[in-house]
Amino acid sequence: MNKEEILEELRVIVKPYINNVEAFENFTENTDFITDLNINSANLVDIILDVEDYFKIHIDNESMEKMVNVKATLEIIATKLT
């Protein structure tokens, strides 16, 4: 699975949790979950759990703490998939 495919799947996973539709329309690698999409920390945990389920990976606590933006999340998912 390449980066663009992961990004598209991540977009689907994140969509139910967004609070800023306008920012979501510009969802890119540079999108920040908290400042751009106004996702709260509880929903960020839900996103991480959904990512684990969808990609069938385990995300450790250290990696979880880094998953505050799309770029870091993509990198972590790509690393776990290899």
Protein backbone atom coordinates (compact mmCIF):
# COMPACT_ATOMS: atom_id res chain seq x y z
CA MET A 1 0.00 0.00 0.00
CA ASN A 2 1.55 3.32 -1.03
CA LYS A 3 1.40 6.65 0.75
CA GLU A 4 -1.49 8.00 -1.35
CA GLU A 5 -3.58 4.89 -0.66
CA ILE A 6 -2.89 5.14 3.07
CA LEU A 7 -3.78 8.86 2.97
CA GLU A 8 -7.13 8.11 1.31
CA GLU A 9 -7.95 5.39 3.85
CA LEU A 10 -6.91 7.70 6.69
CA ARG A 11 -9.22 10.38 5.30
CA VAL A 12 -12.15 7.94 5.53
CA ILE A 13 -11.19 6.93 9.09
CA VAL A 14 -10.86 10.55 10.28
CA LYS A 15 -14.01 11.95 8.64
CA PRO A 16 -16.52 11.00 11.40
CA TYR A 17 -14.45 12.86 14.01
CA ILE A 18 -13.84 16.20 12.32
CA ASN A 19 -15.21 19.48 13.63
CA ASN A 20 -13.93 21.71 10.83
CA VAL A 21 -15.42 20.66 7.50
CA GLU A 22 -13.67 23.41 5.58
CA ALA A 23 -10.23 22.29 6.76
CA PHE A 24 -11.15 18.66 6.03
CA GLU A 25 -11.76 19.56 2.38
CA ASN A 26 -8.04 20.42 2.24
CA PHE A 27 -6.95 17.19 3.98
CA THR A 28 -3.28 16.66 3.12
CA GLU A 29 -0.10 15.33 4.63
CA ASN A 30 0.32 18.71 6.36
CA THR A 31 -3.05 18.60 8.16
CA ASP A 32 -2.91 18.72 11.96
CA PHE A 33 -5.69 16.77 13.67
CA ILE A 34 -6.06 19.12 16.63
CA THR A 35 -5.39 22.61 15.28
CA ASP A 36 -6.74 22.17 11.73
CA LEU A 37 -9.60 19.71 12.16
CA ASN A 38 -10.47 20.59 15.80
CA ILE A 39 -10.41 16.95 16.85
CA ASN A 40 -10.27 16.55 20.63
CA SER A 41 -7.89 14.19 22.40
CA ALA A 42 -10.60 11.58 23.15
CA ASN A 43 -11.51 11.40 19.45
CA LEU A 44 -7.83 11.24 18.55
CA VAL A 45 -7.63 8.04 20.59
CA ASP A 46 -10.67 6.72 18.70
CA ILE A 47 -8.93 7.49 15.41
CA ILE A 48 -5.83 5.61 16.53
CA LEU A 49 -7.94 2.60 17.52
CA ASP A 50 -9.73 2.73 14.15
CA VAL A 51 -6.36 2.89 12.37
CA GLU A 52 -5.19 -0.18 14.29
CA ASP A 53 -8.36 -2.08 13.36
CA TYR A 54 -8.39 -1.05 9.72
CA PHE A 55 -4.71 -1.67 8.98
CA LYS A 56 -4.47 -4.62 11.42
CA ILE A 57 -1.45 -3.13 13.18
CA HIS A 58 -0.52 -2.39 16.79
CA ILE A 59 0.45 1.15 17.68
CA ASP A 60 2.54 1.43 20.83
CA ASN A 61 2.23 4.35 23.27
CA GLU A 62 5.36 6.08 21.98
CA SER A 63 4.00 6.07 18.44
CA MET A 64 0.55 7.17 19.64
CA GLU A 65 2.01 10.30 21.18
CA LYS A 66 3.46 11.28 17.81
CA MET A 67 0.19 10.85 15.89
CA VAL A 68 -0.99 14.46 16.11
CA ASN A 69 -0.83 15.19 12.40
CA VAL A 70 -1.35 13.37 9.13
CA LYS A 71 2.33 13.22 8.16
CA ALA A 72 3.41 11.49 11.38
CA THR A 73 0.44 9.15 11.20
CA LEU A 74 1.25 8.16 7.62
CA GLU A 75 4.87 7.45 8.56
CA ILE A 76 3.86 5.31 11.55
CA ILE A 77 1.31 3.33 9.53
CA ALA A 78 3.80 2.78 6.68
CA THR A 79 6.46 1.60 9.15
CA LYS A 80 4.06 -0.81 10.85
CA LEU A 81 2.89 -2.24 7.51
CA THR A 82 6.41 -3.21 6.42
